[in-house]
Each structure stands twice: as structure tokens, then as C-alpha cells.
């Protein structure tokens, strides 16, 4: 008797039908965000998300969804073009941990990354994700009615975004996976914003870049661009001045501690230190940073864990070998496995 016939007979006997598909499939969700329309940087309001579905999830079978936030400089558009890695990961996750749908979100903006927060200097990216994208995805795909329904995950800037969205909408996201998240800015970001390319930048140039928005090409120095993005994300002037943000230095290149404090106030570490109820008791928080992280993100992730480890929310910290961006798929899978293990 051949193997095909054996499988068919077993299927009939045990009451299941094997799926014809053997690999994950991809969809692209495209819609115009009302939260991003008329954003001050004139970035596209039309956004696309990559949705990866493992072969084990036929039709509209309920399953948890991972909402993944790319790091600085990346976007869903990049991953749509290179979706093979995501499809491979989704299928591997389903076979080795549990079948889940994976949604890769686009939070890219003119400065490189929105950090997935609301800011009058760039647009309301947190609301675009939480109030629009999630509901559109789940109009197509059902989630479980209990247990883990949604996981918000991300790496680097995306890890920061996962923590912030997990705090911002704790009832929406049951779990957070923060891989090498931007955090502990006093250690990780302060040295960067004090280098000459940032501190010596003429204020007139900063204002010109700010005024031009996406109409003006970004400077070539990546550290300068990152500092611009930090200020746009965390130090907007206010809703009456769309697109405008405070710079960290004055015209005489003197450091402005009051603006730096605004950046610190956006740090997930600062937030959990100040807010004992930052996460719900029902949430699970997976914090992680590579041991040789060149940006010291492991130090920030560990510091957050030390603050929240004795609080009601379930939490852990892991420090795998490697550098900032090494083995991110394996690290994400480890986070999912921990989330699902109780």
C-alpha cells in the first residue's frame, strides 16, 4: 500500500483532512489611513501591510495574530518585496510553536521611522495602527475569543514601538515582544546626540529641513538624521505648529536639557518607572537584547525588566549571544514560545 493511500485512510479514520498547501501564503492589505491623511510631513496616507498565513490555517480559522513593527529605516514595503523570509518564518513558527498569522506593519516616515507614536511633528501613527489597521486585519481574519489573541512585537525602534503600544492600548495587545528595544536613552541615546555631527549642526539647517518636510532630501550623516527623528518623535512643538519640533541645541550649540528631558519622558524605561500600572496583570512582556548589542539595547531591556519583574504582569528578560540585528527571526520565535508557555 503506498504512502498516499495510507494518509488518506488515516485521514478518514481519525476525522481530519490534510491540507493541500505546504507553505505559508502572503496577502497585502492596502488602505488609506484617516489618521495619516494630511500628515505634516506629506508622507503617504496609503499604507500596505504584509500578512503571512501558515499552511495550517485554512480559511478563517481563529488564531492569534502577531503585529510586527520593523526597526528604524525598514518598512513593510521592504518586506513585501522580500517576503520569502517572512513566509519561511511563519511556516516554521506554525510547525515548531503554534500556527499564527503574522502582520508586518508600515510605520516608516520621512525621518526614517515614526517610532509608532502620535506626534504633531509627523502624524498619529499609534492611532493608525491601533484604531485602523488592527480592525481591518481582523475583519478578514478571526482571532480567539480567549487566551492570547494579539501579540505586538518589534525589533530596535520596533521593539520600542511594541512596548509603547502595549502600554498605550493594554486591552488591545495581550502580549509584547520587544527585541533589542530602544530604551534607557540616558545610556543608549545621549552619547549619540552629543557627537559633533549633531551638536555642531547649524540651527538654521535644522529649521530648513523641518520646514521643507519630505520635499528636501535627508542629510547624508545617519546619526544626524536619527537625532532629527528623535526630536520629531518625542519633542514636537504642538498641534498648533504641525511638523515643527524642538531641537536639542540652541543657536550657540548649547545643549538644551529641557528638550532632552522631553526625549527621556518618551523612554519606555522612564514610563514604567513613573507608572506602576504601565502594563495590565493579564499581559505578558518579553524583553530581550543581544549580549553583544553594539547599541546597548540589552542594557535598556534588562533595566525595564528589573523595574517590572515583581509587578502583576508576567515578564521575562533574555540575553542571547550575538549583535543587535543577529538572528531576529529565531529571537522572535523564542519570544512567541515563551508567551504561549504558561
Protein backbone atom coordinates (compact mmCIF):
# COMPACT_ATOMS: atom_id res chain seq x y z
CA UNK A 1 0.00 0.00 0.00
CA UNK A 2 1.52 3.36 -0.99
CA UNK A 3 2.01 6.30 1.37
CA UNK A 4 -0.67 8.49 -0.26
CA UNK A 5 -3.34 5.84 0.30
CA UNK A 6 -2.21 5.31 3.89
CA UNK A 7 -2.50 9.03 4.59
CA UNK A 8 -5.97 9.12 3.02
CA UNK A 9 -7.20 6.15 5.07
CA UNK A 10 -5.75 7.61 8.25
CA UNK A 11 -7.43 10.91 7.49
CA UNK A 12 -10.81 9.25 7.12
CA UNK A 13 -10.33 7.12 10.26
CA UNK A 14 -9.18 9.97 12.51
CA UNK A 15 -11.56 12.53 11.06
CA UNK A 16 -9.20 15.07 9.53
CA UNK A 17 -8.33 16.11 6.01
CA UNK A 18 -4.70 17.04 5.25
CA UNK A 19 -4.21 20.50 3.72
CA UNK A 20 -3.02 20.63 0.18
CA UNK A 21 -0.87 23.67 0.92
CA UNK A 22 2.60 23.02 2.28
CA UNK A 23 3.87 26.60 2.57
CA UNK A 24 2.74 29.87 4.05
CA UNK A 25 0.98 32.33 1.78
CA UNK A 26 1.10 36.12 1.67
CA UNK A 27 -1.50 38.82 1.29
CA UNK A 28 -1.06 42.57 1.08
CA UNK A 29 -3.56 44.75 2.91
CA UNK A 30 -3.76 48.24 1.43
CA UNK A 31 -5.81 51.15 2.73
CA UNK A 32 -5.75 54.90 3.18
CA UNK A 33 -5.36 55.87 6.82
CA UNK A 34 -7.56 58.71 8.01
CA UNK A 35 -5.10 59.28 10.85
CA UNK A 36 -2.25 59.80 8.40
CA UNK A 37 -4.14 61.93 5.90
CA UNK A 38 -2.79 65.49 5.79
CA UNK A 39 0.18 64.50 7.95
CA UNK A 40 2.63 67.42 8.24
CA UNK A 41 5.48 65.57 6.52
CA UNK A 42 3.31 64.74 3.49
CA UNK A 43 4.18 61.08 3.88
CA UNK A 44 1.81 58.65 2.15
CA UNK A 45 -1.51 58.03 3.86
CA UNK A 46 -1.94 54.99 1.64
CA UNK A 47 -0.26 52.19 3.56
CA UNK A 48 0.30 48.50 2.93
CA UNK A 49 0.82 45.68 5.39
CA UNK A 50 2.21 42.21 4.71
CA UNK A 51 0.02 39.40 6.06
CA UNK A 52 1.60 35.94 6.25
CA UNK A 53 -0.66 32.91 6.77
CA UNK A 54 0.77 29.46 7.57
CA UNK A 55 -0.47 26.42 5.66
CA UNK A 56 -2.04 25.02 8.84
CA UNK A 57 -4.63 27.83 8.99
CA UNK A 58 -7.24 27.13 6.36
CA UNK A 59 -9.90 29.69 5.57
CA UNK A 60 -10.83 31.90 8.51
CA UNK A 61 -9.78 29.59 11.32
CA UNK A 62 -9.36 31.64 14.51
CA UNK A 63 -5.72 32.09 15.52
CA UNK A 64 -3.57 34.65 17.33
CA UNK A 65 -2.05 37.44 15.27
CA UNK A 66 1.46 38.84 15.65
CA UNK A 67 1.62 42.52 14.72
CA UNK A 68 5.26 43.14 13.88
CA UNK A 69 6.90 46.58 13.86
CA UNK A 70 10.09 46.94 11.73
CA UNK A 71 13.14 48.79 13.02
CA UNK A 72 14.47 52.21 12.01
CA UNK A 73 14.85 52.60 8.25
CA UNK A 74 12.79 49.50 7.45
CA UNK A 75 9.20 49.32 6.34
CA UNK A 76 6.52 46.86 5.35
CA UNK A 77 7.22 47.86 1.75
CA UNK A 78 10.76 46.46 2.01
CA UNK A 79 9.49 43.24 3.50
CA UNK A 80 6.73 42.88 0.89
CA UNK A 81 9.45 42.86 -1.76
CA UNK A 82 11.43 40.29 0.24
CA UNK A 83 8.53 38.33 1.69
CA UNK A 84 10.15 34.89 1.33
CA UNK A 85 11.92 35.20 4.70
CA UNK A 86 8.69 36.13 6.42
CA UNK A 87 6.79 33.26 4.80
CA UNK A 88 9.50 30.82 5.84
CA UNK A 89 9.40 32.16 9.41
CA UNK A 90 5.58 31.97 9.57
CA UNK A 91 5.57 28.33 8.44
CA UNK A 92 8.43 27.40 10.78
CA UNK A 93 6.68 29.10 13.71
CA UNK A 94 3.49 27.18 12.97
CA UNK A 95 5.29 23.84 12.88
CA UNK A 96 7.56 24.36 15.88
CA UNK A 97 5.45 26.56 18.19
CA UNK A 98 1.87 27.25 17.04
CA UNK A 99 0.06 28.39 13.88
CA UNK A 100 -0.30 32.17 13.88
CA UNK A 101 -0.83 34.88 11.32
CA UNK A 102 1.90 37.48 11.09
CA UNK A 103 1.22 41.08 10.06
CA UNK A 104 4.18 43.33 9.22
CA UNK A 105 3.21 46.97 9.72
CA UNK A 106 4.45 50.04 7.86
CA UNK A 107 5.45 52.84 10.23
CA UNK A 108 8.13 54.38 8.00
CA UNK A 109 8.18 58.15 7.55
CA UNK A 110 10.39 60.86 6.07
CA UNK A 111 12.81 60.84 9.01
CA UNK A 112 13.22 57.05 8.87
CA UNK A 113 10.74 55.78 11.46
CA UNK A 114 7.71 57.17 13.24
CA UNK A 115 8.62 55.12 16.33
CA UNK A 116 4.92 54.16 16.13
CA UNK A 117 3.82 57.06 18.35
CA UNK A 118 1.49 60.01 17.87
CA UNK A 119 3.32 63.28 17.25
CA UNK A 120 2.13 66.58 15.81
CA UNK A 121 5.53 66.82 14.09
CA UNK A 122 4.90 63.72 11.99
CA UNK A 123 1.40 62.22 12.35
CA UNK A 124 -0.65 59.90 14.53
CA UNK A 125 0.99 56.54 13.87
CA UNK A 126 -0.15 54.88 17.10
CA UNK A 127 -3.78 55.59 16.26
CA UNK A 128 -3.31 54.49 12.64
CA UNK A 129 -2.18 51.08 13.93
CA UNK A 130 -4.49 50.58 16.90
CA UNK A 131 -7.68 52.20 15.59
CA UNK A 132 -7.49 51.37 11.88
CA UNK A 133 -5.07 48.64 10.85
CA UNK A 134 -5.95 46.11 13.55
CA UNK A 135 -9.68 46.31 12.83
CA UNK A 136 -9.11 45.95 9.07
CA UNK A 137 -6.93 42.89 9.52
CA UNK A 138 -9.41 41.30 11.89
CA UNK A 139 -12.32 41.99 9.56
CA UNK A 140 -10.59 39.37 7.37
CA UNK A 141 -9.18 37.04 10.00
CA UNK A 142 -10.75 35.90 13.23
CA UNK A 143 -8.82 35.78 16.49
CA UNK A 144 -9.52 33.55 19.51
CA UNK A 145 -12.13 34.72 21.98
CA UNK A 146 -9.87 33.98 24.96
CA UNK A 147 -6.22 33.47 25.78
CA UNK A 148 -3.57 35.14 23.61
CA UNK A 149 -5.32 37.00 20.82
CA UNK A 150 -2.83 39.65 19.72
CA UNK A 151 0.91 39.99 20.18
CA UNK A 152 2.64 43.26 19.34
CA UNK A 153 6.29 42.64 18.54
CA UNK A 154 9.21 44.50 17.07
CA UNK A 155 12.95 44.91 16.84
CA UNK A 156 15.00 48.01 17.78
CA UNK A 157 12.74 51.01 17.04
CA UNK A 158 10.03 48.41 16.53
CA UNK A 159 10.78 46.97 19.96
CA UNK A 160 10.32 50.45 21.38
CA UNK A 161 7.06 50.71 19.47
CA UNK A 162 5.87 47.35 20.80
CA UNK A 163 6.45 48.48 24.38
CA UNK A 164 4.78 51.83 23.81
CA UNK A 165 1.74 50.35 22.07
CA UNK A 166 1.48 47.66 24.73
CA UNK A 167 1.27 50.44 27.31
CA UNK A 168 -0.90 52.74 25.19
CA UNK A 169 -3.51 50.07 24.39
CA UNK A 170 -3.08 47.35 27.05
CA UNK A 171 -6.55 45.89 26.44
CA UNK A 172 -5.79 45.52 22.73
CA UNK A 173 -2.49 43.65 23.00
CA UNK A 174 -2.28 40.60 25.25
CA UNK A 175 1.47 40.30 24.92
CA UNK A 176 4.55 42.32 23.96
CA UNK A 177 7.79 41.04 22.41
CA UNK A 178 10.49 43.72 22.50
CA UNK A 179 13.69 42.64 20.74
CA UNK A 180 16.63 44.99 21.39
CA UNK A 181 14.19 47.85 22.06
CA UNK A 182 15.20 51.50 22.04
CA UNK A 183 15.21 52.35 25.75
CA UNK A 184 17.32 53.70 28.62
CA UNK A 185 18.07 56.76 26.49
CA UNK A 186 20.43 58.22 29.08
CA UNK A 187 22.80 55.34 28.28
CA UNK A 188 21.93 54.43 24.70
CA UNK A 189 20.96 57.72 23.03
CA UNK A 190 22.70 60.52 24.93
CA UNK A 191 26.18 59.70 23.55
CA UNK A 192 24.76 59.69 20.03
CA UNK A 193 23.14 63.12 20.25
CA UNK A 194 26.35 64.61 21.67
CA UNK A 195 28.59 63.74 18.72
CA UNK A 196 29.87 66.62 16.59
CA UNK A 197 27.64 65.82 13.58
CA UNK A 198 24.64 66.52 15.80
CA UNK A 199 25.83 69.15 18.27
CA UNK A 200 27.53 71.26 15.59
CA UNK A 201 24.66 71.20 13.12
CA UNK A 202 23.60 74.80 12.39
CA UNK A 203 20.18 75.56 13.82
CA UNK A 204 19.31 77.24 10.51
CA UNK A 205 19.88 73.92 8.72
CA UNK A 206 17.67 72.08 11.19
CA UNK A 207 14.91 74.64 10.70
CA UNK A 208 15.23 74.43 6.92
CA UNK A 209 14.94 70.65 7.00
CA UNK A 210 11.98 70.90 9.34
CA UNK A 211 10.18 73.44 7.16
CA UNK A 212 10.75 71.50 3.95
CA UNK A 213 9.49 68.18 5.28
CA UNK A 214 9.70 65.39 2.72
CA UNK A 215 10.39 67.90 -0.07
CA UNK A 216 14.04 68.14 0.99
CA UNK A 217 16.45 65.16 0.83
CA UNK A 218 17.75 63.86 4.12
CA UNK A 219 21.31 64.70 5.20
CA UNK A 220 23.89 62.02 4.46
CA UNK A 221 25.02 61.66 8.08
CA UNK A 222 22.91 58.90 9.61
CA UNK A 223 23.47 60.00 13.22
CA UNK A 224 22.23 63.49 12.40
CA UNK A 225 19.14 62.05 10.72
CA UNK A 226 18.47 59.82 13.72
CA UNK A 227 18.68 62.80 16.08
CA UNK A 228 16.23 64.70 13.86
CA UNK A 229 13.88 61.74 14.02
CA UNK A 230 14.14 61.56 17.82
CA UNK A 231 13.11 65.18 18.15
CA UNK A 232 10.26 64.82 15.66
CA UNK A 233 9.02 61.74 17.53
CA UNK A 234 9.40 62.96 21.09
CA UNK A 235 9.66 66.76 21.15
CA UNK A 236 7.00 68.21 18.83
CA UNK A 237 6.21 71.89 19.33
CA UNK A 238 2.49 71.12 19.49
CA UNK A 239 -0.70 70.75 17.43
CA UNK A 240 -0.75 74.46 16.58
CA UNK A 241 2.62 74.02 14.83
CA UNK A 242 2.29 70.87 12.72
CA UNK A 243 5.58 69.46 11.51
CA UNK A 244 7.63 71.52 13.96
CA UNK A 245 9.81 70.07 16.69
CA UNK A 246 12.28 71.35 19.26
CA UNK A 247 15.98 70.84 18.56
CA UNK A 248 18.41 69.65 21.24
CA UNK A 249 20.80 72.60 20.74
CA UNK A 250 20.40 76.37 20.57
CA UNK A 251 21.99 78.75 18.08
CA UNK A 252 25.24 78.74 20.08
CA UNK A 253 25.25 74.89 20.02
CA UNK A 254 24.49 74.71 23.72
CA UNK A 255 22.72 71.56 24.85
CA UNK A 256 19.12 72.13 25.93
CA UNK A 257 18.43 69.87 28.92
CA UNK A 258 14.72 70.73 28.95
CA UNK A 259 14.35 69.27 25.45
CA UNK A 260 16.42 66.25 26.34
CA UNK A 261 14.05 65.70 29.25
CA UNK A 262 11.17 65.51 26.78
CA UNK A 263 13.05 62.76 24.97
CA UNK A 264 13.64 60.96 28.26
CA UNK A 265 9.94 61.24 29.10
CA UNK A 266 9.19 59.16 25.99
CA UNK A 267 11.62 56.41 27.05
CA UNK A 268 9.80 53.16 27.97
CA UNK A 269 12.11 52.87 30.98
CA UNK A 270 11.02 56.28 32.26
CA UNK A 271 7.38 55.41 31.66
CA UNK A 272 7.45 52.17 33.63
CA UNK A 273 9.43 53.83 36.41
CA UNK A 274 6.79 56.54 36.77
CA UNK A 275 3.72 54.40 36.14
CA UNK A 276 3.25 51.30 38.27
CA UNK A 277 0.23 50.38 36.14
CA UNK A 278 2.02 50.64 32.81
CA UNK A 279 1.06 47.04 31.93
CA UNK A 280 -2.05 45.08 32.87
CA UNK A 281 -1.81 41.98 35.09
CA UNK A 282 -3.18 39.97 32.15
CA UNK A 283 -0.35 40.97 29.80
CA UNK A 284 2.87 39.06 29.11
CA UNK A 285 6.01 41.09 28.43
CA UNK A 286 9.03 39.50 26.74
CA UNK A 287 12.13 41.71 26.95
CA UNK A 288 15.28 40.76 25.13
CA UNK A 289 18.62 42.14 24.00
CA UNK A 290 21.58 40.53 22.32
CA UNK A 291 24.61 40.17 24.62
CA UNK A 292 26.97 41.94 22.20
CA UNK A 293 24.48 44.63 21.17
CA UNK A 294 26.54 47.49 19.77
CA UNK A 295 23.79 49.97 20.68
CA UNK A 296 23.46 48.70 24.27
CA UNK A 297 19.79 47.87 23.78
CA UNK A 298 20.27 44.84 26.03
CA UNK A 299 21.08 47.20 28.90
CA UNK A 300 17.81 49.05 28.38
CA UNK A 301 15.74 45.87 28.07
CA UNK A 302 17.26 44.50 31.26
CA UNK A 303 16.63 47.78 33.11
CA UNK A 304 12.94 47.71 32.16
CA UNK A 305 12.66 44.11 33.32
CA UNK A 306 14.24 44.97 36.67
CA UNK A 307 11.53 47.59 37.17
CA UNK A 308 8.53 45.44 36.20
CA UNK A 309 9.63 41.92 37.21
CA UNK A 310 7.77 41.97 40.53
CA UNK A 311 4.61 43.56 39.14
CA UNK A 312 1.46 41.60 38.26
CA UNK A 313 2.17 41.49 34.53
CA UNK A 314 4.08 38.34 33.57
CA UNK A 315 7.56 39.26 32.31
CA UNK A 316 10.98 37.90 31.48
CA UNK A 317 14.34 39.04 30.14
CA UNK A 318 16.59 37.05 27.82
CA UNK A 319 20.08 37.89 26.55
CA UNK A 320 21.05 35.65 23.61
CA UNK A 321 24.51 35.73 22.08
CA UNK A 322 25.03 37.99 19.10
CA UNK A 323 24.77 41.58 17.94
CA UNK A 324 21.86 44.00 17.63
CA UNK A 325 20.33 42.57 14.45
CA UNK A 326 21.56 38.98 14.55
CA UNK A 327 19.10 36.08 14.25
CA UNK A 328 15.98 38.22 14.71
CA UNK A 329 13.61 35.54 13.39
CA UNK A 330 14.95 32.96 15.85
CA UNK A 331 14.70 35.51 18.64
CA UNK A 332 11.13 36.39 17.69
CA UNK A 333 10.18 32.72 17.68
CA UNK A 334 11.72 32.29 21.15
CA UNK A 335 9.59 35.17 22.36
CA UNK A 336 6.40 33.65 20.95
CA UNK A 337 7.24 30.29 22.52
CA UNK A 338 7.66 31.93 25.93
CA UNK A 339 4.41 33.88 25.53
CA UNK A 340 2.48 30.68 24.87
CA UNK A 341 4.12 28.68 27.68
CA UNK A 342 2.40 29.12 30.99
